[in-house]
């Protein structure tokens, strides 16, 4: 009697555990979850690339200073990258259409 109760309880617990695992995995595979994971990976990769670029730039500056000292040159002024233009500064131009047909039988799609 106790043996049957033990195995019944063990089976029920295993079923609950397996159902929980499957539901958790299914939630991870929804399109929203996959998109969020991809976005997080892209952001993480961007941060790593930025850190890599900063490390490269500092190494370049350090090596340039070493070479300048070895050759007896003056240390050049630090070259900063130009500031980014704000998105509002971009001009969007629209050009008027020069060829417009007033013919009512014209089947051209851009009239």
PDB file of N, CA and C in Angstrom:
ATOM      1  N   UNK A   1       0.820  -1.186   0.000  1.00  0.00           N
ATOM      2  CA  UNK A   1       0.000   0.000   0.000  1.00  0.00           C
ATOM      3  C   UNK A   1       0.869   1.258   0.000  1.00  0.00           C
ATOM      4  N   UNK A   2       1.871   1.290   0.870  1.00  0.00           N
ATOM      5  CA  UNK A   2       2.746   2.462   0.927  1.00  0.00           C
ATOM      6  C   UNK A   2       3.595   2.569  -0.325  1.00  0.00           C
ATOM      7  N   UNK A   3       3.923   1.421  -0.892  1.00  0.00           N
ATOM      8  CA  UNK A   3       4.720   1.427  -2.107  1.00  0.00           C
ATOM      9  C   UNK A   3       3.947   2.097  -3.240  1.00  0.00           C
ATOM     10  N   UNK A   4       2.672   1.763  -3.375  1.00  0.00           N
ATOM     11  CA  UNK A   4       1.839   2.372  -4.429  1.00  0.00           C
ATOM     12  C   UNK A   4       1.683   3.871  -4.195  1.00  0.00           C
ATOM     13  N   UNK A   5       1.476   4.264  -2.973  1.00  0.00           N
ATOM     14  CA  UNK A   5       1.341   5.688  -2.645  1.00  0.00           C
ATOM     15  C   UNK A   5       2.630   6.436  -2.953  1.00  0.00           C
ATOM     16  N   UNK A   6       3.758   5.826  -2.619  1.00  0.00           N
ATOM     17  CA  UNK A   6       5.047   6.449  -2.910  1.00  0.00           C
ATOM     18  C   UNK A   6       5.215   6.671  -4.406  1.00  0.00           C
ATOM     19  N   UNK A   7       4.968   5.626  -5.210  1.00  0.00           N
ATOM     20  CA  UNK A   7       5.166   5.758  -6.646  1.00  0.00           C
ATOM     21  C   UNK A   7       4.142   6.688  -7.279  1.00  0.00           C
ATOM     22  N   UNK A   8       2.934   6.691  -6.765  1.00  0.00           N
ATOM     23  CA  UNK A   8       1.937   7.625  -7.277  1.00  0.00           C
ATOM     24  C   UNK A   8       2.373   9.065  -7.010  1.00  0.00           C
ATOM     25  N   UNK A   9       2.847   9.352  -5.828  1.00  0.00           N
ATOM     26  CA  UNK A   9       3.317  10.692  -5.460  1.00  0.00           C
ATOM     27  C   UNK A   9       4.546  11.062  -6.274  1.00  0.00           C
ATOM     28  N   UNK A  10       5.468  10.118  -6.436  1.00  0.00           N
ATOM     29  CA  UNK A  10       6.664  10.389  -7.231  1.00  0.00           C
ATOM     30  C   UNK A  10       6.285  10.693  -8.684  1.00  0.00           C
ATOM     31  N   UNK A  11       5.354   9.951  -9.245  1.00  0.00           N
ATOM     32  CA  UNK A  11       4.895  10.193 -10.619  1.00  0.00           C
ATOM     33  C   UNK A  11       4.209  11.538 -10.768  1.00  0.00           C
ATOM     34  N   UNK A  12       3.369  11.881  -9.787  1.00  0.00           N
ATOM     35  CA  UNK A  12       2.688  13.177  -9.828  1.00  0.00           C
ATOM     36  C   UNK A  12       3.694  14.316  -9.737  1.00  0.00           C
ATOM     37  N   UNK A  13       4.690  14.183  -8.863  1.00  0.00           N
ATOM     38  CA  UNK A  13       5.716  15.226  -8.730  1.00  0.00           C
ATOM     39  C   UNK A  13       6.534  15.343 -10.011  1.00  0.00           C
ATOM     40  N   UNK A  14       6.878  14.216 -10.622  1.00  0.00           N
ATOM     41  CA  UNK A  14       7.629  14.252 -11.884  1.00  0.00           C
ATOM     42  C   UNK A  14       6.797  14.910 -12.981  1.00  0.00           C
ATOM     43  N   UNK A  15       5.500  14.632 -13.019  1.00  0.00           N
ATOM     44  CA  UNK A  15       4.617  15.251 -14.009  1.00  0.00           C
ATOM     45  C   UNK A  15       4.532  16.759 -13.842  1.00  0.00           C
ATOM     46  N   UNK A  16       4.405  17.201 -12.601  1.00  0.00           N
ATOM     47  CA  UNK A  16       4.359  18.643 -12.335  1.00  0.00           C
ATOM     48  C   UNK A  16       5.678  19.295 -12.718  1.00  0.00           C
ATOM     49  N   UNK A  17       6.788  18.658 -12.369  1.00  0.00           N
ATOM     50  CA  UNK A  17       8.113  19.192 -12.709  1.00  0.00           C
ATOM     51  C   UNK A  17       8.286  19.278 -14.223  1.00  0.00           C
ATOM     52  N   UNK A  18       7.915  18.216 -14.948  1.00  0.00           N
ATOM     53  CA  UNK A  18       8.066  18.204 -16.406  1.00  0.00           C
ATOM     54  C   UNK A  18       7.162  19.244 -17.060  1.00  0.00           C
ATOM     55  N   UNK A  19       5.943  19.381 -16.586  1.00  0.00           N
ATOM     56  CA  UNK A  19       5.020  20.372 -17.136  1.00  0.00           C
ATOM     57  C   UNK A  19       5.555  21.782 -16.932  1.00  0.00           C
ATOM     58  N   UNK A  20       6.096  22.035 -15.754  1.00  0.00           N
ATOM     59  CA  UNK A  20       6.671  23.344 -15.465  1.00  0.00           C
ATOM     60  C   UNK A  20       7.846  23.637 -16.388  1.00  0.00           C
ATOM     61  N   UNK A  21       8.718  22.655 -16.595  1.00  0.00           N
ATOM     62  CA  UNK A  21       9.879  22.837 -17.477  1.00  0.00           C
ATOM     63  C   UNK A  21       9.438  23.106 -18.911  1.00  0.00           C
ATOM     64  N   UNK A  22       8.466  22.346 -19.405  1.00  0.00           N
ATOM     65  CA  UNK A  22       7.990  22.514 -20.780  1.00  0.00           C
ATOM     66  C   UNK A  22       7.341  23.881 -20.954  1.00  0.00           C
ATOM     67  N   UNK A  23       6.510  24.299 -20.010  1.00  0.00           N
ATOM     68  CA  UNK A  23       5.860  25.610 -20.113  1.00  0.00           C
ATOM     69  C   UNK A  23       6.882  26.739 -20.084  1.00  0.00           C
ATOM     70  N   UNK A  24       7.907  26.611 -19.256  1.00  0.00           N
ATOM     71  CA  UNK A  24       8.952  27.623 -19.185  1.00  0.00           C
ATOM     72  C   UNK A  24       9.695  27.718 -20.528  1.00  0.00           C
ATOM     73  N   UNK A  25       9.993  26.566 -21.119  1.00  0.00           N
ATOM     74  CA  UNK A  25      10.700  26.551 -22.404  1.00  0.00           C
ATOM     75  C   UNK A  25       9.821  27.120 -23.517  1.00  0.00           C
ATOM     76  N   UNK A  26       8.529  26.806 -23.478  1.00  0.00           N
ATOM     77  CA  UNK A  26       7.613  27.349 -24.488  1.00  0.00           C
ATOM     78  C   UNK A  26       7.520  28.870 -24.390  1.00  0.00           C
ATOM     79  N   UNK A  27       7.528  29.405 -23.167  1.00  0.00           N
ATOM     80  CA  UNK A  27       7.502  30.856 -23.005  1.00  0.00           C
ATOM     81  C   UNK A  27       8.768  31.496 -23.554  1.00  0.00           C
ATOM     82  N   UNK A  28       9.900  30.789 -23.463  1.00  0.00           N
ATOM     83  CA  UNK A  28      11.153  31.329 -23.987  1.00  0.00           C
ATOM     84  C   UNK A  28      11.165  31.342 -25.509  1.00  0.00           C
ATOM     85  N   UNK A  29      10.345  30.522 -26.132  1.00  0.00           N
ATOM     86  CA  UNK A  29      10.356  30.408 -27.587  1.00  0.00           C
ATOM     87  C   UNK A  29       9.248  31.199 -28.268  1.00  0.00           C
ATOM     88  N   UNK A  30       8.542  32.046 -27.548  1.00  0.00           N
ATOM     89  CA  UNK A  30       7.541  32.889 -28.189  1.00  0.00           C
ATOM     90  C   UNK A  30       8.249  33.964 -29.000  1.00  0.00           C
ATOM     91  N   UNK A  31       7.614  34.491 -30.057  1.00  0.00           N
ATOM     92  CA  UNK A  31       8.260  35.518 -30.875  1.00  0.00           C
ATOM     93  C   UNK A  31       8.677  36.752 -30.074  1.00  0.00           C
ATOM     94  N   UNK A  32       7.867  37.173 -29.113  1.00  0.00           N
ATOM     95  CA  UNK A  32       8.212  38.342 -28.312  1.00  0.00           C
ATOM     96  C   UNK A  32       9.465  38.082 -27.487  1.00  0.00           C
ATOM     97  N   UNK A  33       9.541  36.892 -26.907  1.00  0.00           N
ATOM     98  CA  UNK A  33      10.699  36.553 -26.093  1.00  0.00           C
ATOM     99  C   UNK A  33      11.958  36.436 -26.949  1.00  0.00           C
ATOM    100  N   UNK A  34      11.828  35.833 -28.119  1.00  0.00           N
ATOM    101  CA  UNK A  34      12.979  35.716 -29.017  1.00  0.00           C
ATOM    102  C   UNK A  34      13.449  37.086 -29.492  1.00  0.00           C
ATOM    103  N   UNK A  35      12.503  37.989 -29.775  1.00  0.00           N
ATOM    104  CA  UNK A  35      12.880  39.339 -30.193  1.00  0.00           C
ATOM    105  C   UNK A  35      13.590  40.080 -29.064  1.00  0.00           C
ATOM    106  N   UNK A  36      13.106  39.908 -27.853  1.00  0.00           N
ATOM    107  CA  UNK A  36      13.752  40.565 -26.712  1.00  0.00           C
ATOM    108  C   UNK A  36      15.153  40.013 -26.485  1.00  0.00           C
ATOM    109  N   UNK A  37      15.313  38.700 -26.633  1.00  0.00           N
ATOM    110  CA  UNK A  37      16.640  38.098 -26.474  1.00  0.00           C
ATOM    111  C   UNK A  37      17.591  38.606 -27.545  1.00  0.00           C
ATOM    112  N   UNK A  38      17.104  38.701 -28.783  1.00  0.00           N
ATOM    113  CA  UNK A  38      17.947  39.202 -29.874  1.00  0.00           C
ATOM    114  C   UNK A  38      18.334  40.656 -29.637  1.00  0.00           C
ATOM    115  N   UNK A  39      17.388  41.463 -29.163  1.00  0.00           N
ATOM    116  CA  UNK A  39      17.686  42.865 -28.882  1.00  0.00           C
ATOM    117  C   UNK A  39      18.719  42.987 -27.771  1.00  0.00           C
ATOM    118  N   UNK A  40      18.591  42.184 -26.738  1.00  0.00           N
ATOM    119  CA  UNK A  40      19.568  42.219 -25.643  1.00  0.00           C
ATOM    120  C   UNK A  40      20.949  41.813 -26.125  1.00  0.00           C
ATOM    121  N   UNK A  41      21.017  40.795 -26.981  1.00  0.00           N
ATOM    122  CA  UNK A  41      22.311  40.370 -27.515  1.00  0.00           C
ATOM    123  C   UNK A  41      22.918  41.457 -28.396  1.00  0.00           C
ATOM    124  N   UNK A  42      22.076  42.149 -29.179  1.00  0.00           N
ATOM    125  CA  UNK A  42      22.576  43.220 -30.041  1.00  0.00           C
ATOM    126  C   UNK A  42      23.123  44.375 -29.206  1.00  0.00           C
ATOM    127  N   UNK A  43      22.433  44.723 -28.139  1.00  0.00           N
ATOM    128  CA  UNK A  43      22.898  45.799 -27.265  1.00  0.00           C
ATOM    129  C   UNK A  43      24.211  45.407 -26.599  1.00  0.00           C
ATOM    130  N   UNK A  44      24.279  44.164 -26.139  1.00  0.00           N
ATOM    131  CA  UNK A  44      25.501  43.680 -25.500  1.00  0.00           C
ATOM    132  C   UNK A  44      26.674  43.696 -26.485  1.00  0.00           C
ATOM    133  N   UNK A  45      26.420  43.273 -27.713  1.00  0.00           N
ATOM    134  CA  UNK A  45      27.461  43.283 -28.745  1.00  0.00           C
ATOM    135  C   UNK A  45      27.900  44.705 -29.052  1.00  0.00           C
ATOM    136  N   UNK A  46      26.959  45.632 -29.101  1.00  0.00           N
ATOM    137  CA  UNK A  46      27.307  47.030 -29.330  1.00  0.00           C
ATOM    138  C   UNK A  46      28.202  47.587 -28.241  1.00  0.00           C
ATOM    139  N   UNK A  47      27.895  47.252 -26.998  1.00  0.00           N
ATOM    140  CA  UNK A  47      28.740  47.706 -25.886  1.00  0.00           C
ATOM    141  C   UNK A  47      30.139  47.115 -25.978  1.00  0.00           C
ATOM    142  N   UNK A  48      30.212  45.845 -26.342  1.00  0.00           N
ATOM    143  CA  UNK A  48      31.530  45.211 -26.474  1.00  0.00           C
ATOM    144  C   UNK A  48      32.334  45.848 -27.606  1.00  0.00           C
ATOM    145  N   UNK A  49      31.669  46.144 -28.721  1.00  0.00           N
ATOM    146  CA  UNK A  49      32.366  46.787 -29.840  1.00  0.00           C
ATOM    147  C   UNK A  49      32.848  48.186 -29.458  1.00  0.00           C
ATOM    148  N   UNK A  50      32.026  48.910 -28.706  1.00  0.00           N
ATOM    149  CA  UNK A  50      32.426  50.242 -28.264  1.00  0.00           C
ATOM    150  C   UNK A  50      33.641  50.156 -27.351  1.00  0.00           C
ATOM    151  N   UNK A  51      33.621  49.219 -26.415  1.00  0.00           N
ATOM    152  CA  UNK A  51      34.763  49.039 -25.520  1.00  0.00           C
ATOM    153  C   UNK A  51      36.018  48.652 -26.293  1.00  0.00           C
ATOM    154  N   UNK A  52      35.852  47.798 -27.296  1.00  0.00           N
ATOM    155  CA  UNK A  52      36.979  47.397 -28.132  1.00  0.00           C
ATOM    156  C   UNK A  52      37.549  48.603 -28.875  1.00  0.00           C
ATOM    157  N   UNK A  53      36.682  49.445 -29.438  1.00  0.00           N
ATOM    158  CA  UNK A  53      37.140  50.628 -30.162  1.00  0.00           C
ATOM    159  C   UNK A  53      37.868  51.598 -29.234  1.00  0.00           C
ATOM    160  N   UNK A  54      37.383  51.761 -28.011  1.00  0.00           N
ATOM    161  CA  UNK A  54      38.039  52.646 -27.044  1.00  0.00           C
ATOM    162  C   UNK A  54      39.417  52.092 -26.681  1.00  0.00           C
ATOM    163  N   UNK A  55      39.513  50.782 -26.495  1.00  0.00           N
ATOM    164  CA  UNK A  55      40.810  50.168 -26.195  1.00  0.00           C
ATOM    165  C   UNK A  55      41.787  50.354 -27.350  1.00  0.00           C
ATOM    166  N   UNK A  56      41.311  50.164 -28.566  1.00  0.00           N
ATOM    167  CA  UNK A  56      42.170  50.347 -29.750  1.00  0.00           C
ATOM    168  C   UNK A  56      42.648  51.789 -29.832  1.00  0.00           C
ATOM    169  N   UNK A  57      41.737  52.740 -29.628  1.00  0.00           N
ATOM    170  CA  UNK A  57      42.090  54.157 -29.716  1.00  0.00           C
ATOM    171  C   UNK A  57      43.118  54.525 -28.651  1.00  0.00           C
ATOM    172  N   UNK A  58      42.948  54.042 -27.428  1.00  0.00           N
ATOM    173  CA  UNK A  58      43.916  54.375 -26.379  1.00  0.00           C
ATOM    174  C   UNK A  58      45.272  53.748 -26.684  1.00  0.00           C
ATOM    175  N   UNK A  59      45.274  52.526 -27.218  1.00  0.00           N
ATOM    176  CA  UNK A  59      46.531  51.901 -27.609  1.00  0.00           C
ATOM    177  C   UNK A  59      47.215  52.654 -28.742  1.00  0.00           C
ATOM    178  N   UNK A  60      46.430  53.132 -29.698  1.00  0.00           N
ATOM    179  CA  UNK A  60      46.997  53.914 -30.803  1.00  0.00           C
ATOM    180  C   UNK A  60      47.618  55.206 -30.284  1.00  0.00           C
ATOM    181  N   UNK A  61      46.918  55.894 -29.391  1.00  0.00           N
ATOM    182  CA  UNK A  61      47.442  57.147 -28.840  1.00  0.00           C
ATOM    183  C   UNK A  61      48.728  56.905 -28.049  1.00  0.00           C
ATOM    184  N   UNK A  62      48.738  55.830 -27.247  1.00  0.00           N
ATOM    185  CA  UNK A  62      49.918  55.514 -26.463  1.00  0.00           C
ATOM    186  C   UNK A  62      51.110  55.190 -27.375  1.00  0.00           C
ATOM    187  N   UNK A  63      50.881  54.394 -28.408  1.00  0.00           N
ATOM    188  CA  UNK A  63      51.960  54.029 -29.325  1.00  0.00           C
ATOM    189  C   UNK A  63      52.438  55.238 -30.122  1.00  0.00           C
ATOM    190  N   UNK A  64      51.508  56.116 -30.503  1.00  0.00           N
ATOM    191  CA  UNK A  64      51.884  57.330 -31.233  1.00  0.00           C
ATOM    192  C   UNK A  64      52.768  58.217 -30.360  1.00  0.00           C
ATOM    193  N   UNK A  65      52.444  58.316 -29.070  1.00  0.00           N
ATOM    194  CA  UNK A  65      53.265  59.111 -28.156  1.00  0.00           C
ATOM    195  C   UNK A  65      54.649  58.485 -28.001  1.00  0.00           C
ATOM    196  N   UNK A  66      54.706  57.150 -27.902  1.00  0.00           N
ATOM    197  CA  UNK A  66      56.003  56.474 -27.793  1.00  0.00           C
ATOM    198  C   UNK A  66      56.857  56.722 -29.027  1.00  0.00           C
ATOM    199  N   UNK A  67      56.260  56.625 -30.192  1.00  0.00           N
ATOM    200  CA  UNK A  67      57.004  56.855 -31.429  1.00  0.00           C
ATOM    201  C   UNK A  67      57.441  58.314 -31.547  1.00  0.00           C
ATOM    202  N   UNK A  68      56.570  59.212 -31.123  1.00  0.00           N
ATOM    203  CA  UNK A  68      56.932  60.629 -31.156  1.00  0.00           C
ATOM    204  C   UNK A  68      58.117  60.929 -30.256  1.00  0.00           C
ATOM    205  N   UNK A  69      58.151  60.332 -29.064  1.00  0.00           N
ATOM    206  CA  UNK A  69      59.284  60.519 -28.157  1.00  0.00           C
ATOM    207  C   UNK A  69      60.547  59.896 -28.730  1.00  0.00           C
ATOM    208  N   UNK A  70      60.430  58.726 -29.334  1.00  0.00           N
ATOM    209  CA  UNK A  70      61.596  58.044 -29.884  1.00  0.00           C
ATOM    210  C   UNK A  70      62.190  58.817 -31.060  1.00  0.00           C
ATOM    211  N   UNK A  71      61.349  59.453 -31.836  1.00  0.00           N
ATOM    212  CA  UNK A  71      61.820  60.199 -33.004  1.00  0.00           C
ATOM    213  C   UNK A  71      62.097  61.665 -32.684  1.00  0.00           C
ATOM    214  N   UNK A  72      61.796  62.094 -31.487  1.00  0.00           N
ATOM    215  CA  UNK A  72      62.040  63.474 -31.085  1.00  0.00           C
ATOM    216  C   UNK A  72      61.044  64.457 -31.684  1.00  0.00           C
ATOM    217  N   UNK A  73      59.868  64.001 -31.974  1.00  0.00           N
ATOM    218  CA  UNK A  73      58.833  64.871 -32.530  1.00  0.00           C
ATOM    219  C   UNK A  73      57.990  65.441 -31.400  1.00  0.00           C
ATOM    220  N   UNK A  74      57.372  66.573 -31.700  1.00  0.00           N
ATOM    221  CA  UNK A  74      56.439  67.128 -30.714  1.00  0.00           C
ATOM    222  C   UNK A  74      55.212  66.224 -30.651  1.00  0.00           C
ATOM    223  N   UNK A  75      54.678  66.170 -29.490  1.00  0.00           N
ATOM    224  CA  UNK A  75      53.460  65.375 -29.351  1.00  0.00           C
ATOM    225  C   UNK A  75      52.328  66.098 -30.058  1.00  0.00           C
ATOM    226  N   UNK A  76      51.659  65.441 -30.986  1.00  0.00           N
ATOM    227  CA  UNK A  76      50.563  66.102 -31.688  1.00  0.00           C
ATOM    228  C   UNK A  76      49.383  66.321 -30.755  1.00  0.00           C
ATOM    229  N   UNK A  77      48.637  67.359 -31.093  1.00  0.00           N
ATOM    230  CA  UNK A  77      47.427  67.619 -30.306  1.00  0.00           C
ATOM    231  C   UNK A  77      46.483  66.436 -30.482  1.00  0.00           C
ATOM    232  N   UNK A  78      45.762  66.127 -29.431  1.00  0.00           N
ATOM    233  CA  UNK A  78      44.845  64.989 -29.474  1.00  0.00           C
ATOM    234  C   UNK A  78      43.765  65.259 -30.517  1.00  0.00           C
ATOM    235  N   UNK A  79      43.651  64.332 -31.436  1.00  0.00           N
ATOM    236  CA  UNK A  79      42.640  64.487 -32.486  1.00  0.00           C
ATOM    237  C   UNK A  79      41.336  63.893 -31.984  1.00  0.00           C
ATOM    238  N   UNK A  80      40.372  64.736 -31.843  1.00  0.00           N
ATOM    239  CA  UNK A  80      39.054  64.257 -31.410  1.00  0.00           C
ATOM    240  C   UNK A  80      38.194  64.030 -32.652  1.00  0.00           C
ATOM    241  N   UNK A  81      37.302  63.108 -32.528  1.00  0.00           N
ATOM    242  CA  UNK A  81      36.374  62.873 -33.621  1.00  0.00           C
ATOM    243  C   UNK A  81      35.395  64.031 -33.707  1.00  0.00           C
ATOM    244  N   UNK A  82      34.946  64.372 -34.912  1.00  0.00           N
ATOM    245  CA  UNK A  82      33.969  65.453 -35.021  1.00  0.00           C
ATOM    246  C   UNK A  82      32.664  65.063 -34.344  1.00  0.00           C
ATOM    247  N   UNK A  83      32.000  66.066 -33.828  1.00  0.00           N
ATOM    248  CA  UNK A  83      30.735  65.817 -33.134  1.00  0.00           C
ATOM    249  C   UNK A  83      29.692  65.371 -34.145  1.00  0.00           C
ATOM    250  N   UNK A  84      28.810  64.522 -33.689  1.00  0.00           N
ATOM    251  CA  UNK A  84      27.739  64.053 -34.570  1.00  0.00           C
ATOM    252  C   UNK A  84      26.721  65.144 -34.770  1.00  0.00           C
ATOM    253  N   UNK A  85      26.237  65.223 -35.990  1.00  0.00           N
ATOM    254  CA  UNK A  85      25.180  66.187 -36.261  1.00  0.00           C
ATOM    255  C   UNK A  85      23.868  65.652 -35.711  1.00  0.00           C
ATOM    256  N   UNK A  86      23.073  66.534 -35.135  1.00  0.00           N
ATOM    257  CA  UNK A  86      21.770  66.056 -34.668  1.00  0.00           C
ATOM    258  C   UNK A  86      20.903  65.660 -35.858  1.00  0.00           C
ATOM    259  N   UNK A  87      19.982  64.773 -35.622  1.00  0.00           N
ATOM    260  CA  UNK A  87      19.136  64.281 -36.707  1.00  0.00           C
ATOM    261  C   UNK A  87      18.281  65.397 -37.291  1.00  0.00           C
ATOM    262  N   UNK A  88      17.994  66.443 -36.500  1.00  0.00           N
ATOM    263  CA  UNK A  88      17.165  67.534 -36.998  1.00  0.00           C
ATOM    264  C   UNK A  88      17.901  68.380 -38.034  1.00  0.00           C
ATOM    265  N   UNK A  89      19.221  68.297 -38.060  1.00  0.00           N
ATOM    266  CA  UNK A  89      19.979  69.137 -38.975  1.00  0.00           C
ATOM    267  C   UNK A  89      19.955  68.617 -40.406  1.00  0.00           C
ATOM    268  N   UNK A  90      19.478  67.424 -40.618  1.00  0.00           N
ATOM    269  CA  UNK A  90      19.430  66.860 -41.959  1.00  0.00           C
ATOM    270  C   UNK A  90      18.269  67.484 -42.712  1.00  0.00           C
ATOM    271  N   UNK A  91      18.566  67.968 -43.894  1.00  0.00           N
ATOM    272  CA  UNK A  91      17.521  68.585 -44.696  1.00  0.00           C
ATOM    273  C   UNK A  91      16.884  67.538 -45.586  1.00  0.00           C
ATOM    274  N   UNK A  92      15.589  67.569 -45.637  1.00  0.00           N
ATOM    275  CA  UNK A  92      14.861  66.702 -46.539  1.00  0.00           C
ATOM    276  C   UNK A  92      14.289  67.583 -47.638  1.00  0.00           C
ATOM    277  N   UNK A  93      14.696  67.297 -48.834  1.00  0.00           N
ATOM    278  CA  UNK A  93      14.236  68.120 -49.954  1.00  0.00           C
ATOM    279  C   UNK A  93      13.214  67.346 -50.769  1.00  0.00           C
ATOM    280  N   UNK A  94      12.199  68.047 -51.144  1.00  0.00           N
ATOM    281  CA  UNK A  94      11.231  67.464 -52.062  1.00  0.00           C
ATOM    282  C   UNK A  94      11.289  68.280 -53.329  1.00  0.00           C
ATOM    283  N   UNK A  95      11.343  67.584 -54.410  1.00  0.00           N
ATOM    284  CA  UNK A  95      11.429  68.244 -55.705  1.00  0.00           C
ATOM    285  C   UNK A  95      10.077  68.162 -56.386  1.00  0.00           C
ATOM    286  N   UNK A  96       9.650  69.290 -56.983  1.00  0.00           N
ATOM    287  CA  UNK A  96       8.342  69.258 -57.654  1.00  0.00           C
ATOM    288  C   UNK A  96       8.398  68.359 -58.887  1.00  0.00           C
ATOM    289  N   UNK A  97       7.306  67.749 -59.172  1.00  0.00           N
ATOM    290  CA  UNK A  97       7.229  66.908 -60.355  1.00  0.00           C
ATOM    291  C   UNK A  97       7.104  67.802 -61.573  1.00  0.00           C
ATOM    292  N   UNK A  98       7.873  67.515 -62.558  1.00  0.00           N
ATOM    293  CA  UNK A  98       7.866  68.374 -63.754  1.00  0.00           C
ATOM    294  C   UNK A  98       7.005  67.806 -64.856  1.00  0.00           C
ATOM    295  N   UNK A  99       6.786  66.526 -64.868  1.00  0.00           N
ATOM    296  CA  UNK A  99       5.992  65.922 -65.938  1.00  0.00           C
ATOM    297  C   UNK A  99       4.693  65.425 -65.354  1.00  0.00           C
ATOM    298  N   UNK A 100       3.652  66.202 -65.579  1.00  0.00           N
ATOM    299  CA  UNK A 100       2.329  65.788 -65.153  1.00  0.00           C
ATOM    300  C   UNK A 100       1.425  65.809 -66.375  1.00  0.00           C
ATOM    301  N   UNK A 101       0.721  64.758 -66.554  1.00  0.00           N
ATOM    302  CA  UNK A 101      -0.168  64.662 -67.699  1.00  0.00           C
ATOM    303  C   UNK A 101      -1.581  64.959 -67.241  1.00  0.00           C
ATOM    304  N   UNK A 102      -2.258  65.770 -68.017  1.00  0.00           N
ATOM    305  CA  UNK A 102      -3.650  66.104 -67.700  1.00  0.00           C
ATOM    306  C   UNK A 102      -4.598  65.353 -68.617  1.00  0.00           C
ATOM    307  N   UNK A 103      -4.068  64.394 -69.322  1.00  0.00           N
ATOM    308  CA  UNK A 103      -4.890  63.602 -70.227  1.00  0.00           C
ATOM    309  C   UNK A 103      -5.691  62.599 -69.406  1.00  0.00           C
ATOM    310  N   UNK A 104      -7.027  62.599 -69.477  1.00  0.00           N
ATOM    311  CA  UNK A 104      -7.824  61.678 -68.659  1.00  0.00           C
ATOM    312  C   UNK A 104      -7.667  60.223 -69.097  1.00  0.00           C
ATOM    313  N   UNK A 105      -7.158  59.981 -70.316  1.00  0.00           N
ATOM    314  CA  UNK A 105      -7.001  58.608 -70.800  1.00  0.00           C
ATOM    315  C   UNK A 105      -5.605  58.061 -70.569  1.00  0.00           C
ATOM    316  N   UNK A 106      -4.770  58.806 -69.872  1.00  0.00           N
ATOM    317  CA  UNK A 106      -3.418  58.368 -69.620  1.00  0.00           C
ATOM    318  C   UNK A 106      -3.444  57.257 -68.564  1.00  0.00           C
ATOM    319  N   UNK A 107      -2.868  56.100 -68.869  1.00  0.00           N
ATOM    320  CA  UNK A 107      -2.855  54.963 -67.966  1.00  0.00           C
ATOM    321  C   UNK A 107      -1.570  54.875 -67.149  1.00  0.00           C
ATOM    322  N   UNK A 108      -0.715  55.900 -67.261  1.00  0.00           N
ATOM    323  CA  UNK A 108       0.526  55.909 -66.506  1.00  0.00           C
ATOM    324  C   UNK A 108       0.212  55.998 -65.022  1.00  0.00           C
ATOM    325  N   UNK A 109       0.888  55.201 -64.187  1.00  0.00           N
ATOM    326  CA  UNK A 109       0.555  55.121 -62.770  1.00  0.00           C
ATOM    327  C   UNK A 109       1.026  56.303 -61.947  1.00  0.00           C
ATOM    328  N   UNK A 110       1.984  57.097 -62.453  1.00  0.00           N
ATOM    329  CA  UNK A 110       2.480  58.212 -61.630  1.00  0.00           C
ATOM    330  C   UNK A 110       1.850  59.528 -62.035  1.00  0.00           C
ATOM    331  N   UNK A 111       0.584  59.568 -62.327  1.00  0.00           N
ATOM    332  CA  UNK A 111      -0.111  60.837 -62.599  1.00  0.00           C
ATOM    333  C   UNK A 111      -1.022  61.204 -61.462  1.00  0.00           C
TER     334      UNK A 111
END
